[in-house]
Protein backbone atom coordinates (compact mmCIF):
# COMPACT_ATOMS: atom_id res chain seq x y z
CA MET A 1 -4.17 -29.81 -19.60
CA THR A 2 -1.09 -32.07 -19.32
CA ASP A 3 -0.92 -35.65 -18.01
CA LEU A 4 1.98 -37.59 -16.53
CA GLY A 5 0.85 -41.07 -15.59
CA ASP A 6 -2.11 -40.53 -13.29
CA LEU A 7 -1.12 -36.92 -12.55
CA GLU A 8 -3.10 -34.18 -14.18
CA MET A 9 -2.09 -30.54 -14.50
CA THR A 10 -4.41 -27.58 -15.03
CA VAL A 11 -3.74 -23.84 -15.15
CA VAL A 12 -6.16 -21.44 -13.47
CA THR A 13 -6.32 -18.19 -15.40
CA ASP A 14 -9.45 -16.43 -14.12
CA ALA A 15 -10.61 -15.14 -10.76
CA ALA A 16 -13.80 -17.23 -10.66
CA ALA A 17 -11.84 -20.47 -11.02
CA LEU A 18 -9.38 -19.25 -8.39
CA ASP A 19 -12.28 -18.65 -5.99
CA GLY A 20 -13.51 -22.14 -6.72
CA LEU A 21 -10.24 -23.60 -5.48
CA ARG A 22 -10.70 -22.33 -1.95
CA ASP A 23 -11.64 -25.60 -0.22
CA GLU A 24 -9.17 -27.76 -2.12
CA TRP A 25 -6.44 -25.19 -1.55
CA GLU A 26 -7.16 -25.13 2.17
CA ALA A 27 -6.91 -28.92 2.35
CA ALA A 28 -3.61 -28.85 0.45
CA VAL A 29 -2.03 -26.14 2.59
CA THR A 30 -3.07 -28.00 5.75
CA ALA A 31 -1.53 -31.23 4.44
CA ASP A 32 1.74 -29.66 3.25
CA PRO A 33 4.50 -31.03 5.54
CA THR A 34 6.46 -27.75 5.24
CA PRO A 35 3.76 -25.17 5.98
CA ASN A 36 4.08 -21.65 4.58
CA VAL A 37 1.42 -19.13 5.59
CA TYR A 38 2.31 -16.94 2.60
CA LEU A 39 1.02 -19.67 0.29
CA THR A 40 -2.45 -19.83 1.84
CA TRP A 41 -5.46 -19.09 -0.29
CA GLU A 42 -6.25 -16.06 1.89
CA TRP A 43 -2.83 -14.43 1.45
CA VAL A 44 -2.58 -15.14 -2.28
CA THR A 45 -6.09 -14.09 -3.28
CA THR A 46 -6.03 -10.96 -1.10
CA TRP A 47 -2.81 -9.83 -2.77
CA TRP A 48 -4.31 -10.53 -6.18
CA SER A 49 -7.43 -8.51 -5.44
CA HIS A 50 -5.25 -5.52 -4.46
CA PHE A 51 -2.43 -5.66 -7.00
CA GLY A 52 -3.33 -8.13 -9.73
CA ALA A 53 -4.74 -5.60 -12.19
CA GLY A 54 -2.77 -5.61 -15.45
CA ASN A 55 -1.34 -9.09 -14.85
CA GLU A 56 -2.72 -12.52 -15.68
CA LEU A 57 -3.36 -15.39 -13.30
CA HIS A 58 -1.32 -18.50 -14.02
CA VAL A 59 -1.89 -20.82 -11.07
CA VAL A 60 -0.58 -24.32 -11.82
CA VAL A 61 -2.47 -27.10 -10.05
CA VAL A 62 -1.34 -30.72 -10.08
CA ARG A 63 -3.77 -33.44 -9.01
CA ASP A 64 -4.04 -37.19 -8.72
CA GLY A 65 -6.97 -39.39 -7.83
CA ASP A 66 -6.78 -38.32 -4.19
CA GLY A 67 -6.88 -34.57 -4.83
CA ILE A 68 -4.35 -31.77 -5.12
CA VAL A 69 -0.71 -32.79 -5.11
CA ALA A 70 0.83 -29.34 -5.66
CA ILE A 71 -0.09 -25.71 -6.31
CA ALA A 72 2.24 -23.12 -7.85
CA PRO A 73 0.57 -19.71 -7.43
CA LEU A 74 2.05 -17.87 -10.40
CA GLN A 75 1.12 -14.82 -12.45
CA ARG A 76 2.08 -13.59 -15.88
CA SER A 77 3.40 -10.03 -15.76
CA ARG A 78 5.51 -7.57 -17.79
CA PRO A 79 7.99 -5.72 -15.56
CA GLY A 80 9.67 -2.72 -17.13
CA VAL A 81 8.35 0.03 -19.36
CA GLY A 82 7.83 0.51 -23.06
CA PRO A 83 9.90 -1.70 -25.39
CA LEU A 84 11.89 -2.99 -22.41
CA ALA A 85 8.86 -4.58 -20.77
CA THR A 86 9.58 -8.30 -20.50
CA PRO A 87 6.92 -11.05 -20.21
CA ILE A 88 7.67 -13.31 -17.26
CA LEU A 89 6.05 -15.81 -14.97
CA GLN A 90 6.55 -15.08 -11.30
CA ARG A 91 4.80 -15.92 -8.06
CA ILE A 92 1.73 -14.06 -6.91
CA SER A 93 2.65 -11.59 -4.13
CA PRO A 94 6.35 -11.44 -5.08
CA ASP A 95 6.97 -8.44 -2.83
CA ALA A 96 4.72 -9.38 0.10
CA GLY A 97 5.30 -12.26 2.44
CA ASP A 98 8.65 -13.51 3.65
CA TYR A 99 8.76 -16.74 1.65
CA GLY A 100 7.92 -18.01 -1.82
CA GLY A 101 7.73 -21.57 -3.06
CA ILE A 102 4.82 -23.84 -3.89
CA VAL A 103 2.30 -25.90 -1.95
CA LEU A 104 3.73 -29.42 -2.14
CA VAL A 105 1.60 -32.10 -0.52
CA ARG A 106 2.96 -35.45 -1.69
CA ARG A 107 4.56 -37.20 -4.70
CA GLU A 108 7.04 -34.35 -4.61
CA ASP A 109 9.45 -35.54 -7.29
CA GLU A 110 6.70 -36.20 -9.84
CA ALA A 111 4.84 -32.97 -9.07
CA VAL A 112 7.95 -30.83 -9.53
CA GLU A 113 8.73 -32.62 -12.81
CA VAL A 114 5.23 -31.77 -14.08
CA LEU A 115 5.66 -28.14 -13.05
CA VAL A 116 9.10 -27.77 -14.63
CA ASP A 117 7.85 -29.45 -17.83
CA HIS A 118 5.16 -26.83 -17.99
CA LEU A 119 7.56 -23.96 -17.34
CA GLU A 120 9.89 -25.33 -20.00
CA GLY A 121 7.02 -25.28 -22.47
CA GLN A 122 6.17 -21.68 -21.58
CA LEU A 123 9.77 -20.58 -22.17
CA CYS A 124 10.37 -22.55 -25.35
CA ASP A 125 7.05 -21.46 -26.89
CA GLY A 126 7.86 -17.82 -26.20
CA ALA A 127 4.90 -17.34 -23.84
CA ALA A 128 7.41 -16.11 -21.24
CA SER A 129 10.96 -14.85 -21.52
CA ALA A 130 11.82 -15.85 -17.97
CA VAL A 131 10.41 -17.60 -14.92
CA VAL A 132 11.30 -15.91 -11.62
CA LEU A 133 10.86 -17.97 -8.45
CA SER A 134 11.71 -15.63 -5.60
CA ARG A 135 12.44 -16.00 -1.86
CA LEU A 136 13.00 -19.76 -1.87
CA LEU A 137 14.41 -21.09 1.39
CA THR A 138 17.52 -23.24 1.12
CA ASP A 139 15.92 -25.89 3.37
CA ASP A 140 12.72 -26.01 1.29
CA PRO A 141 12.23 -29.48 -0.30
CA PHE A 142 10.86 -27.72 -3.38
CA LEU A 143 14.17 -25.94 -4.02
CA ALA A 144 16.14 -29.19 -3.88
CA ARG A 145 13.81 -30.88 -6.34
CA LEU A 146 13.69 -27.79 -8.57
CA ARG A 147 17.48 -27.82 -8.83
CA GLU A 148 17.47 -31.49 -9.75
CA ALA A 149 14.75 -31.04 -12.39
CA LEU A 150 16.56 -28.08 -13.95
CA LEU A 151 19.84 -29.96 -14.02
CA ARG A 152 18.19 -32.63 -16.17
CA ARG A 153 17.21 -29.93 -18.68
CA THR A 154 20.52 -28.16 -19.14
CA GLY A 155 20.18 -28.59 -22.89
CA THR A 156 17.02 -26.50 -23.07
CA LEU A 157 16.93 -24.41 -19.89
CA ALA A 158 19.38 -22.18 -18.02
CA ALA A 159 18.98 -21.22 -14.37
CA GLN A 160 20.62 -18.51 -12.32
CA GLU A 161 20.47 -18.33 -8.53
CA ALA A 162 20.86 -15.10 -6.61
CA GLU A 163 21.31 -15.38 -2.85
CA LEU A 164 19.37 -12.76 -0.92
CA GLU A 165 21.03 -10.80 1.86
CA GLY A 166 20.65 -11.89 5.45
CA ALA A 167 19.76 -15.18 7.09
CA CYS A 168 16.25 -16.34 7.89
CA LEU A 169 16.26 -17.38 11.54
CA LEU A 170 14.17 -19.93 13.38
CA THR A 171 13.76 -21.39 16.84
CA ASP A 172 13.24 -25.14 16.84
CA LEU A 173 11.41 -25.79 20.09
CA ARG A 174 12.09 -29.54 19.79
CA SER A 175 15.90 -29.45 19.70
CA GLY A 176 17.03 -28.74 23.24
CA PHE A 177 15.26 -25.40 23.54
CA ASN A 178 15.03 -24.44 27.21
CA MET A 179 12.43 -21.77 27.95
CA THR A 180 13.61 -21.27 31.51
CA LYS A 181 17.16 -20.46 30.33
CA GLN A 182 15.80 -18.15 27.63
CA ALA A 183 13.67 -16.26 30.14
CA LYS A 184 16.69 -15.84 32.39
CA LYS A 185 18.87 -14.76 29.48
CA HIS A 186 16.38 -12.05 28.51
CA LYS A 187 15.70 -11.04 32.12
CA ILE A 188 11.97 -11.54 31.59
CA ARG A 189 11.07 -11.88 35.27
CA GLN A 190 12.90 -8.69 36.22
CA ARG A 191 11.44 -6.68 33.37
CA ASN A 192 7.91 -7.81 34.07
CA ARG A 193 8.39 -6.92 37.76
CA ARG A 194 9.76 -3.47 36.97
CA LEU A 195 6.87 -2.77 34.63
CA ALA A 196 4.36 -3.89 37.27
CA GLU A 197 6.01 -1.73 39.91
CA ALA A 198 5.77 1.35 37.68
CA HIS A 199 2.13 0.82 36.68
CA ASP A 200 -0.97 -0.25 38.51
CA GLU A 201 -2.40 -2.36 35.72
CA VAL A 202 -0.33 -4.34 33.19
CA VAL A 203 -2.32 -6.42 30.70
CA PHE A 204 -1.30 -8.89 27.98
CA ALA A 205 -4.25 -9.52 25.62
CA TYR A 206 -4.79 -11.49 22.42
CA HIS A 207 -7.08 -10.01 19.79
CA THR A 208 -9.20 -12.01 17.36
CA GLY A 209 -12.65 -11.97 15.84
CA ASP A 210 -14.68 -8.93 16.88
CA ASP A 211 -11.71 -7.67 18.91
CA LEU A 212 -9.16 -7.96 16.11
CA ASP A 213 -9.43 -4.35 14.96
CA VAL A 214 -8.72 -3.12 18.49
CA GLY A 215 -5.39 -4.87 18.37
CA LEU A 216 -4.68 -3.75 14.80
CA ASP A 217 -5.38 -0.15 15.76
CA ARG A 218 -2.88 -0.42 18.61
CA LEU A 219 -0.29 -1.99 16.34
CA LEU A 220 -0.61 0.75 13.71
CA LYS A 221 -0.41 3.57 16.24
CA LEU A 222 2.59 2.04 17.98
CA HIS A 223 4.31 1.53 14.65
CA ALA A 224 3.67 5.15 13.71
CA ALA A 225 5.10 6.32 17.05
CA ARG A 226 8.13 4.10 16.62
CA TRP A 227 8.91 5.58 13.17
CA GLU A 228 7.83 9.17 13.78
CA GLY A 229 10.25 11.51 12.05
CA ARG A 230 11.84 8.63 10.09
CA GLU A 231 9.00 7.78 7.74
CA SER A 232 11.29 7.91 4.69
CA GLU A 233 13.31 4.98 6.13
CA MET A 234 10.27 2.69 6.32
CA HIS A 235 10.05 -0.42 4.20
CA GLY A 236 7.63 -3.30 3.97
CA LEU A 237 3.87 -3.51 4.20
CA LEU A 238 3.42 -0.37 6.32
CA ALA A 239 5.50 1.87 4.08
CA ASP A 240 2.54 3.13 2.03
CA ALA A 241 -1.24 3.18 2.15
CA ASP A 242 -1.86 0.62 -0.60
CA ARG A 243 0.36 -2.01 0.95
CA GLU A 244 -1.05 -1.36 4.41
CA ALA A 245 -4.59 -1.85 3.06
CA PHE A 246 -3.56 -5.19 1.58
CA MET A 247 -1.91 -6.27 4.83
CA LEU A 248 -4.97 -5.47 6.91
CA ASP A 249 -7.29 -7.31 4.55
CA ALA A 250 -5.00 -10.34 4.52
CA ILE A 251 -4.79 -10.35 8.31
CA ARG A 252 -8.58 -10.25 8.60
CA ALA A 253 -8.93 -13.10 6.11
CA LEU A 254 -6.35 -15.20 7.95
CA ASP A 255 -7.99 -14.42 11.31
CA ARG A 256 -11.23 -15.91 10.03
CA LYS A 257 -9.31 -19.16 9.59
CA GLY A 258 -7.90 -18.95 13.13
CA ARG A 259 -4.34 -18.26 11.91
CA VAL A 260 -3.66 -14.89 13.51
CA ARG A 261 -1.99 -14.31 16.87
CA LEU A 262 -2.12 -10.63 17.72
CA LEU A 263 -0.86 -9.89 21.25
CA THR A 264 -0.75 -6.45 22.83
CA LEU A 265 0.66 -5.14 26.09
CA THR A 266 -0.90 -2.19 27.90
CA ALA A 267 0.11 -0.34 31.07
CA ASP A 268 -2.64 1.57 32.88
CA GLY A 269 -4.68 1.37 29.67
CA ARG A 270 -1.90 2.83 27.50
CA PRO A 271 -0.66 0.62 24.62
CA VAL A 272 2.97 -0.29 25.17
CA ALA A 273 3.70 -2.91 22.52
CA ALA A 274 2.03 -5.16 19.95
CA GLU A 275 3.14 -8.38 18.25
CA LEU A 276 1.38 -9.76 15.16
CA ASP A 277 2.16 -13.35 14.14
CA PHE A 278 0.62 -16.14 12.06
CA GLU A 279 0.17 -19.78 12.92
CA LEU A 280 -0.06 -22.61 10.42
CA GLY A 281 0.22 -26.22 11.43
CA SER A 282 2.86 -26.49 14.10
CA ARG A 283 4.77 -23.42 12.90
CA LEU A 284 4.51 -19.86 14.23
CA PHE A 285 5.48 -17.10 11.79
CA MET A 286 6.70 -13.94 13.52
CA PHE A 287 5.44 -11.13 11.31
CA LYS A 288 5.24 -7.60 12.68
CA GLY A 289 5.94 -5.90 16.00
CA ALA A 290 6.00 -2.37 17.38
CA PHE A 291 6.41 -0.65 20.73
CA ASP A 292 6.22 2.79 22.27
CA PRO A 293 9.76 4.22 22.45
CA GLU A 294 8.95 5.76 25.85
CA PHE A 295 8.77 2.22 27.29
CA SER A 296 12.01 0.96 25.73
CA ALA A 297 13.69 0.60 29.14
CA PHE A 298 11.34 -2.32 29.85
CA SER A 299 12.20 -4.11 26.54
CA PRO A 300 8.49 -4.62 25.79
CA GLY A 301 9.24 -6.38 22.52
CA GLN A 302 11.16 -9.09 24.36
CA LEU A 303 8.33 -9.45 26.86
CA LEU A 304 5.93 -10.12 24.00
CA HIS A 305 8.30 -12.55 22.29
CA HIS A 306 8.57 -14.48 25.52
CA ARG A 307 4.82 -14.61 26.02
CA VAL A 308 4.16 -15.65 22.41
CA ILE A 309 6.76 -18.46 22.48
CA GLU A 310 5.60 -19.63 25.91
CA ASP A 311 2.00 -19.79 24.67
CA GLY A 312 3.18 -21.51 21.49
CA LEU A 313 4.83 -24.26 23.53
CA ALA A 314 1.55 -24.76 25.35
CA SER A 315 -0.33 -25.14 22.06
CA ASP A 316 2.13 -27.61 20.44
CA VAL A 317 4.03 -25.18 18.23
CA ASP A 318 7.26 -26.89 17.10
CA VAL A 319 9.01 -24.08 15.24
CA VAL A 320 9.07 -20.31 15.65
CA ASP A 321 9.96 -18.81 12.28
CA TRP A 322 11.44 -15.32 12.53
CA GLY A 323 11.12 -14.55 8.82
CA ARG A 324 13.50 -12.56 6.67
CA GLY A 325 16.30 -10.60 8.32
CA ASP A 326 18.86 -11.57 10.91
CA GLN A 327 18.52 -8.73 13.39
CA LEU A 328 20.15 -9.18 16.78
CA TYR A 329 16.85 -9.35 18.70
CA LYS A 330 15.93 -12.40 16.59
CA ARG A 331 19.30 -14.06 16.94
CA ARG A 332 19.05 -13.92 20.70
CA TRP A 333 16.08 -16.32 20.51
CA ALA A 334 17.09 -18.37 17.46
CA ASN A 335 18.87 -21.73 17.33
CA GLY A 336 18.85 -22.25 13.56
CA GLU A 337 19.11 -20.38 10.29
CA ARG A 338 18.88 -20.78 6.52
CA GLN A 339 19.32 -18.60 3.47
CA GLN A 340 17.06 -17.49 0.64
CA VAL A 341 17.64 -17.57 -3.09
CA THR A 342 15.79 -16.33 -6.16
CA VAL A 343 15.93 -18.70 -9.12
CA THR A 344 15.54 -17.20 -12.59
CA VAL A 345 14.96 -19.69 -15.41
CA THR A 346 15.32 -18.90 -19.11
CA ARG A 347 15.92 -20.86 -22.28
CA ALA A 348 19.48 -22.12 -22.72
CA GLY A 349 21.83 -20.38 -25.11
CA LEU A 350 22.10 -16.84 -26.40
CA GLY A 351 18.34 -16.23 -26.45
CA GLY A 352 18.10 -16.99 -22.75
CA LYS A 353 21.05 -14.77 -21.89
CA VAL A 354 19.47 -11.89 -23.80
CA ALA A 355 16.16 -12.45 -22.00
CA ALA A 356 17.88 -12.43 -18.58
CA GLN A 357 19.72 -9.24 -19.44
CA ARG A 358 16.52 -7.56 -20.66
CA LEU A 359 14.83 -8.53 -17.39
CA ARG A 360 17.63 -7.00 -15.32
CA VAL A 361 17.52 -3.77 -17.32
CA ALA A 362 13.72 -3.59 -17.22
CA ARG A 363 13.63 -4.05 -13.47
CA GLY A 364 16.36 -1.54 -12.88
CA LEU A 365 14.57 1.04 -14.98
CA ALA A 366 11.24 0.36 -13.26
CA ARG A 367 12.84 0.86 -9.83
CA ARG A 368 14.44 4.13 -10.86
CA ILE A 369 11.16 5.62 -12.06
CA GLY A 370 9.21 4.24 -9.09
CA ARG A 371 7.02 1.79 -10.91
């Protein structure tokens, strides 16, 4: 336990203590002014239950007299094989969820200082060779404060930033966004009319609670139809059975908190398209979509995007976050963008350079052998 003034830091290292954080974590995530659904207790703990075996929990919690100030959901792992395996600290769910970062509720400067002090101690004591903070958005207040804190420690720590490919797009519904113009631009009225003329019954339906699995089943079947014959090209959480199982469990856990928006479109009872998104605070996170290629002439994905954004406006959503990737269909709706970086922190000097090189080699070897 470390103290800085009236701030107190603890590190959660076992599953029982992590479970005990549920209510406090929920309150912190809800109070975070820059909400991130991939930092919710449901997402983090579900990933840990599926993939945490062999690693060690290292969740850093900073509190003051009013409760949690910050949470950094980290784990201790050893990427690589054999003598090249390198002990590091990295975020839980490093390969699942569009964004990393930490839950940062208030007293941001002080909380980040406490966290970086702790990470510095881990590196200088040899408990970790590197700290890898992945998928940090360039507009995230945490990244700005992390950079400042690391700059003050240039004598003991070294940091490398790697920019990830592709922009992360968003639609700010507060900054001159005109839904009528967007609907006209995407020919929503015409496409809805054509679909209705071709089919007797066209239904948009949200799925939650007892009906959630109906929507999930449609999504999975549509995704399979969309990628039939090209399975080897698939990436992400539907690329293999283990990751799909995690995704479904995480969705069900988030749905119990009222954070899932799963919308499907059917024509004469036949599933045409499905759109799965998450909502946290006033932000809507676009997550996964699929459609039947036989209906592509109607642009069903655009019809669902329009409906989701229209309904979001009605429920006080301020920002539609399109996640990682700057595909054209996203850009046509977006009015803002930012980048992502991964920050790798080591000790300063030759020892840190050697540790960074070992990590690069270990990861490259692990990728080549499929581990």
